[in-house]
Amino acid sequence: MTKGAYRMKTSKTFYGGAIIDSKDSREFDLGYRIILQYYKTCNSLMVKEENTYGVEIVKTEQKGEETKTEIKDINNITTSEEVADEILEMLTNYKVTPITATEIIEDFIK
């Protein structure tokens, strides 16, 4: 390792999940549903012994036999694990999808 370089360790922990289906919108009455999975990510700088937390959202759409997956990683949101958990709780409760996650998180941390 060169002088001033940092080693980083990354981990990911499942936080929770949600399903969007016909209970949420009539659009899903034809067998269409979305499965959302939320993960807490942690980047650890080994030299500084500092952690930063982020989120990963995995969205899986199921339309009959067709399945599409979309993944959104938002890293280094906060150094507080408690704040990361609050963000993940909000995302899970409101069934936030990857496309709107960045904007919602930015509003939350302002």
N, C-alpha and C. Protein backbone atom coordinates (compact mmCIF):
# COMPACT_ATOMS: atom_id res chain seq x y z
N MET A 1 0.85 -1.17 0.00
CA MET A 1 0.00 0.00 0.00
C MET A 1 0.90 1.23 0.00
N THR A 2 0.52 2.21 -0.80
CA THR A 2 1.32 3.42 -0.88
C THR A 2 0.96 4.37 0.26
N LYS A 3 1.87 5.28 0.53
CA LYS A 3 1.67 6.26 1.59
C LYS A 3 0.39 7.06 1.32
N GLY A 4 -0.47 7.17 2.33
CA GLY A 4 -1.70 7.93 2.20
C GLY A 4 -2.86 7.13 1.63
N ALA A 5 -2.62 5.89 1.22
CA ALA A 5 -3.71 5.07 0.68
C ALA A 5 -4.50 4.46 1.84
N TYR A 6 -5.78 4.26 1.60
CA TYR A 6 -6.66 3.69 2.60
C TYR A 6 -7.22 2.38 2.09
N ARG A 7 -7.33 1.41 2.98
CA ARG A 7 -8.01 0.16 2.65
C ARG A 7 -9.46 0.31 3.07
N MET A 8 -10.37 -0.14 2.22
CA MET A 8 -11.77 -0.01 2.54
C MET A 8 -12.42 -1.39 2.54
N LYS A 9 -13.27 -1.61 3.52
CA LYS A 9 -14.04 -2.84 3.62
C LYS A 9 -15.51 -2.46 3.45
N THR A 10 -16.21 -3.17 2.58
CA THR A 10 -17.61 -2.88 2.32
C THR A 10 -18.46 -4.06 2.74
N SER A 11 -19.59 -3.77 3.40
CA SER A 11 -20.52 -4.83 3.78
C SER A 11 -21.95 -4.38 3.47
N LYS A 12 -22.83 -5.35 3.37
CA LYS A 12 -24.23 -5.08 3.05
C LYS A 12 -25.09 -5.99 3.92
N THR A 13 -26.12 -5.41 4.57
CA THR A 13 -27.01 -6.15 5.45
C THR A 13 -28.46 -5.92 5.03
N PHE A 14 -29.22 -7.02 4.89
CA PHE A 14 -30.64 -6.89 4.55
C PHE A 14 -31.36 -6.15 5.67
N TYR A 15 -32.14 -5.13 5.31
CA TYR A 15 -32.88 -4.35 6.30
C TYR A 15 -34.36 -4.73 6.33
N GLY A 16 -34.98 -4.80 5.16
CA GLY A 16 -36.40 -5.12 5.11
C GLY A 16 -36.90 -5.13 3.68
N GLY A 17 -38.17 -5.45 3.54
CA GLY A 17 -38.75 -5.53 2.21
C GLY A 17 -40.18 -5.03 2.18
N ALA A 18 -40.68 -4.85 0.96
CA ALA A 18 -42.05 -4.40 0.76
C ALA A 18 -42.53 -4.92 -0.59
N ILE A 19 -43.84 -5.03 -0.72
CA ILE A 19 -44.44 -5.45 -1.98
C ILE A 19 -45.47 -4.41 -2.39
N ILE A 20 -45.41 -4.02 -3.65
CA ILE A 20 -46.42 -3.13 -4.22
C ILE A 20 -47.26 -4.00 -5.14
N ASP A 21 -48.57 -4.07 -4.85
CA ASP A 21 -49.46 -4.90 -5.66
C ASP A 21 -50.84 -4.27 -5.73
N SER A 22 -51.87 -5.05 -6.00
CA SER A 22 -53.21 -4.53 -6.21
C SER A 22 -53.77 -3.80 -4.98
N LYS A 23 -53.22 -4.04 -3.80
CA LYS A 23 -53.65 -3.32 -2.60
C LYS A 23 -53.22 -1.85 -2.66
N ASP A 24 -52.15 -1.59 -3.44
CA ASP A 24 -51.60 -0.24 -3.54
C ASP A 24 -52.12 0.53 -4.75
N SER A 25 -52.49 -0.19 -5.80
CA SER A 25 -52.92 0.49 -7.03
C SER A 25 -53.70 -0.48 -7.91
N ARG A 26 -54.72 0.04 -8.56
CA ARG A 26 -55.51 -0.78 -9.49
C ARG A 26 -54.67 -1.22 -10.68
N GLU A 27 -53.61 -0.48 -10.96
CA GLU A 27 -52.70 -0.81 -12.06
C GLU A 27 -52.15 -2.23 -11.93
N PHE A 28 -52.09 -2.73 -10.71
CA PHE A 28 -51.49 -4.04 -10.46
C PHE A 28 -52.52 -5.17 -10.41
N ASP A 29 -53.77 -4.90 -10.77
CA ASP A 29 -54.83 -5.91 -10.72
C ASP A 29 -54.62 -7.05 -11.71
N LEU A 30 -53.77 -6.90 -12.71
CA LEU A 30 -53.60 -7.91 -13.74
C LEU A 30 -52.40 -8.82 -13.47
N GLY A 31 -52.11 -9.08 -12.22
CA GLY A 31 -51.03 -9.98 -11.86
C GLY A 31 -49.66 -9.33 -11.85
N TYR A 32 -49.61 -8.04 -11.83
CA TYR A 32 -48.38 -7.28 -11.85
C TYR A 32 -48.04 -6.88 -10.43
N ARG A 33 -46.79 -7.10 -10.02
CA ARG A 33 -46.39 -6.67 -8.68
C ARG A 33 -44.90 -6.33 -8.68
N ILE A 34 -44.54 -5.54 -7.66
CA ILE A 34 -43.15 -5.12 -7.49
C ILE A 34 -42.69 -5.56 -6.10
N ILE A 35 -41.53 -6.19 -6.07
CA ILE A 35 -40.92 -6.59 -4.80
C ILE A 35 -39.74 -5.65 -4.56
N LEU A 36 -39.71 -5.05 -3.38
CA LEU A 36 -38.62 -4.14 -3.01
C LEU A 36 -37.84 -4.73 -1.85
N GLN A 37 -36.51 -4.69 -1.97
CA GLN A 37 -35.64 -5.13 -0.90
C GLN A 37 -34.69 -3.99 -0.56
N TYR A 38 -34.54 -3.74 0.74
CA TYR A 38 -33.71 -2.64 1.22
C TYR A 38 -32.53 -3.18 2.02
N TYR A 39 -31.35 -2.65 1.71
CA TYR A 39 -30.11 -3.08 2.37
C TYR A 39 -29.39 -1.87 2.94
N LYS A 40 -28.78 -2.07 4.10
CA LYS A 40 -27.89 -1.06 4.67
C LYS A 40 -26.48 -1.42 4.23
N THR A 41 -25.78 -0.46 3.65
CA THR A 41 -24.39 -0.68 3.26
C THR A 41 -23.48 0.06 4.22
N CYS A 42 -22.29 -0.48 4.41
CA CYS A 42 -21.31 0.13 5.30
C CYS A 42 -19.95 0.05 4.65
N ASN A 43 -19.32 1.20 4.52
CA ASN A 43 -17.95 1.28 4.03
C ASN A 43 -17.07 1.63 5.23
N SER A 44 -16.09 0.81 5.49
CA SER A 44 -15.20 1.02 6.63
C SER A 44 -13.81 1.38 6.12
N LEU A 45 -13.32 2.54 6.51
CA LEU A 45 -11.94 2.90 6.21
C LEU A 45 -11.07 2.31 7.31
N MET A 46 -10.27 1.34 6.94
CA MET A 46 -9.48 0.60 7.92
C MET A 46 -8.46 1.47 8.64
N VAL A 47 -7.87 2.43 7.96
CA VAL A 47 -6.84 3.28 8.57
C VAL A 47 -7.46 4.26 9.56
N LYS A 48 -8.55 4.88 9.14
CA LYS A 48 -9.19 5.89 9.99
C LYS A 48 -10.15 5.28 11.01
N GLU A 49 -10.51 4.01 10.84
CA GLU A 49 -11.51 3.35 11.68
C GLU A 49 -12.81 4.15 11.68
N GLU A 50 -13.24 4.55 10.50
CA GLU A 50 -14.46 5.33 10.34
C GLU A 50 -15.40 4.60 9.40
N ASN A 51 -16.69 4.60 9.72
CA ASN A 51 -17.69 3.96 8.88
C ASN A 51 -18.57 5.01 8.22
N THR A 52 -18.95 4.77 6.99
CA THR A 52 -19.99 5.56 6.35
C THR A 52 -21.07 4.58 5.90
N TYR A 53 -22.31 5.04 5.99
CA TYR A 53 -23.45 4.18 5.70
C TYR A 53 -24.21 4.69 4.48
N GLY A 54 -24.79 3.75 3.78
CA GLY A 54 -25.61 4.06 2.62
C GLY A 54 -26.72 3.04 2.50
N VAL A 55 -27.40 3.06 1.38
CA VAL A 55 -28.50 2.13 1.15
C VAL A 55 -28.39 1.53 -0.25
N GLU A 56 -28.96 0.36 -0.39
CA GLU A 56 -29.14 -0.26 -1.69
C GLU A 56 -30.59 -0.70 -1.77
N ILE A 57 -31.23 -0.38 -2.88
CA ILE A 57 -32.61 -0.80 -3.10
C ILE A 57 -32.63 -1.70 -4.32
N VAL A 58 -33.24 -2.87 -4.17
CA VAL A 58 -33.41 -3.80 -5.28
C VAL A 58 -34.90 -3.88 -5.59
N LYS A 59 -35.25 -3.53 -6.81
CA LYS A 59 -36.64 -3.56 -7.25
C LYS A 59 -36.78 -4.67 -8.28
N THR A 60 -37.70 -5.60 -8.01
CA THR A 60 -37.97 -6.69 -8.94
C THR A 60 -39.42 -6.59 -9.38
N GLU A 61 -39.64 -6.40 -10.68
CA GLU A 61 -40.99 -6.33 -11.24
C GLU A 61 -41.35 -7.69 -11.81
N GLN A 62 -42.53 -8.16 -11.46
CA GLN A 62 -43.01 -9.42 -12.00
C GLN A 62 -44.30 -9.18 -12.76
N LYS A 63 -44.23 -9.37 -14.08
CA LYS A 63 -45.40 -9.27 -14.95
C LYS A 63 -45.56 -10.62 -15.63
N GLY A 64 -46.43 -11.43 -15.07
CA GLY A 64 -46.59 -12.78 -15.61
C GLY A 64 -45.29 -13.55 -15.50
N GLU A 65 -44.78 -14.04 -16.62
CA GLU A 65 -43.53 -14.80 -16.64
C GLU A 65 -42.30 -13.90 -16.75
N GLU A 66 -42.49 -12.62 -17.04
CA GLU A 66 -41.38 -11.68 -17.23
C GLU A 66 -40.96 -11.06 -15.90
N THR A 67 -39.65 -11.03 -15.67
CA THR A 67 -39.09 -10.43 -14.45
C THR A 67 -38.01 -9.43 -14.84
N LYS A 68 -38.09 -8.22 -14.27
CA LYS A 68 -37.06 -7.19 -14.46
C LYS A 68 -36.53 -6.78 -13.10
N THR A 69 -35.22 -6.54 -13.04
CA THR A 69 -34.60 -6.11 -11.78
C THR A 69 -33.86 -4.80 -11.99
N GLU A 70 -34.03 -3.90 -11.02
CA GLU A 70 -33.34 -2.60 -11.02
C GLU A 70 -32.68 -2.44 -9.66
N ILE A 71 -31.44 -1.99 -9.63
CA ILE A 71 -30.70 -1.82 -8.38
C ILE A 71 -30.17 -0.40 -8.30
N LYS A 72 -30.34 0.21 -7.13
CA LYS A 72 -29.83 1.56 -6.89
C LYS A 72 -28.99 1.54 -5.62
N ASP A 73 -27.70 1.92 -5.76
CA ASP A 73 -26.80 2.07 -4.61
C ASP A 73 -26.61 3.55 -4.34
N ILE A 74 -26.78 3.95 -3.10
CA ILE A 74 -26.50 5.31 -2.68
C ILE A 74 -25.54 5.19 -1.50
N ASN A 75 -24.28 5.47 -1.75
CA ASN A 75 -23.24 5.26 -0.76
C ASN A 75 -22.90 6.54 -0.01
N ASN A 76 -22.27 6.35 1.15
CA ASN A 76 -21.71 7.45 1.95
C ASN A 76 -22.72 8.55 2.26
N ILE A 77 -23.90 8.15 2.71
CA ILE A 77 -24.95 9.11 3.06
C ILE A 77 -24.64 9.76 4.41
N THR A 78 -24.18 8.94 5.36
CA THR A 78 -24.01 9.42 6.73
C THR A 78 -22.94 8.60 7.46
N THR A 79 -22.40 9.17 8.51
CA THR A 79 -21.49 8.41 9.37
C THR A 79 -22.22 7.86 10.60
N SER A 80 -23.52 8.14 10.68
CA SER A 80 -24.34 7.68 11.81
C SER A 80 -25.18 6.47 11.40
N GLU A 81 -24.94 5.34 12.07
CA GLU A 81 -25.74 4.15 11.78
C GLU A 81 -27.21 4.38 12.15
N GLU A 82 -27.44 5.17 13.19
CA GLU A 82 -28.82 5.47 13.60
C GLU A 82 -29.56 6.24 12.50
N VAL A 83 -28.91 7.21 11.89
CA VAL A 83 -29.53 7.97 10.79
C VAL A 83 -29.78 7.04 9.60
N ALA A 84 -28.84 6.16 9.31
CA ALA A 84 -29.02 5.20 8.22
C ALA A 84 -30.24 4.32 8.47
N ASP A 85 -30.41 3.87 9.71
CA ASP A 85 -31.59 3.06 10.05
C ASP A 85 -32.88 3.85 9.92
N GLU A 86 -32.87 5.12 10.29
CA GLU A 86 -34.06 5.98 10.13
C GLU A 86 -34.42 6.13 8.66
N ILE A 87 -33.42 6.32 7.82
CA ILE A 87 -33.65 6.45 6.38
C ILE A 87 -34.23 5.15 5.82
N LEU A 88 -33.65 4.03 6.21
CA LEU A 88 -34.14 2.74 5.72
C LEU A 88 -35.56 2.46 6.20
N GLU A 89 -35.87 2.84 7.41
CA GLU A 89 -37.23 2.66 7.94
C GLU A 89 -38.23 3.46 7.10
N MET A 90 -37.87 4.72 6.79
CA MET A 90 -38.73 5.56 5.97
C MET A 90 -38.90 4.96 4.56
N LEU A 91 -37.80 4.55 3.95
CA LEU A 91 -37.87 3.98 2.60
C LEU A 91 -38.76 2.74 2.57
N THR A 92 -38.62 1.89 3.58
CA THR A 92 -39.42 0.66 3.65
C THR A 92 -40.90 0.98 3.88
N ASN A 93 -41.18 1.85 4.83
CA ASN A 93 -42.58 2.18 5.15
C ASN A 93 -43.33 2.80 3.98
N TYR A 94 -42.63 3.64 3.21
CA TYR A 94 -43.28 4.32 2.09
C TYR A 94 -43.05 3.64 0.75
N LYS A 95 -42.44 2.45 0.78
CA LYS A 95 -42.23 1.64 -0.42
C LYS A 95 -41.55 2.44 -1.53
N VAL A 96 -40.46 3.10 -1.17
CA VAL A 96 -39.73 3.95 -2.11
C VAL A 96 -38.97 3.08 -3.11
N THR A 97 -39.10 3.42 -4.38
CA THR A 97 -38.43 2.68 -5.45
C THR A 97 -37.09 3.34 -5.79
N PRO A 98 -36.23 2.62 -6.51
CA PRO A 98 -34.91 3.17 -6.84
C PRO A 98 -34.95 4.51 -7.58
N ILE A 99 -35.91 4.71 -8.44
CA ILE A 99 -35.93 5.92 -9.27
C ILE A 99 -36.12 7.20 -8.46
N THR A 100 -36.79 7.12 -7.32
CA THR A 100 -37.03 8.32 -6.51
C THR A 100 -36.19 8.38 -5.23
N ALA A 101 -35.40 7.35 -4.98
CA ALA A 101 -34.69 7.23 -3.70
C ALA A 101 -33.71 8.37 -3.43
N THR A 102 -32.92 8.76 -4.41
CA THR A 102 -31.92 9.81 -4.19
C THR A 102 -32.57 11.11 -3.76
N GLU A 103 -33.61 11.52 -4.47
CA GLU A 103 -34.30 12.77 -4.15
C GLU A 103 -34.92 12.73 -2.75
N ILE A 104 -35.53 11.62 -2.40
CA ILE A 104 -36.17 11.49 -1.09
C ILE A 104 -35.12 11.51 0.02
N ILE A 105 -34.01 10.83 -0.17
CA ILE A 105 -32.94 10.83 0.84
C ILE A 105 -32.34 12.22 0.99
N GLU A 106 -32.13 12.91 -0.12
CA GLU A 106 -31.60 14.27 -0.04
C GLU A 106 -32.53 15.18 0.76
N ASP A 107 -33.84 15.07 0.54
CA ASP A 107 -34.80 15.87 1.31
C ASP A 107 -34.76 15.50 2.79
N PHE A 108 -34.58 14.23 3.10
CA PHE A 108 -34.56 13.75 4.48
C PHE A 108 -33.36 14.29 5.25
N ILE A 109 -32.19 14.35 4.61
CA ILE A 109 -30.99 14.73 5.35
C ILE A 109 -30.73 16.23 5.35
N LYS A 110 -31.55 17.02 4.68
CA LYS A 110 -31.37 18.50 4.68
C LYS A 110 -31.72 19.09 6.02
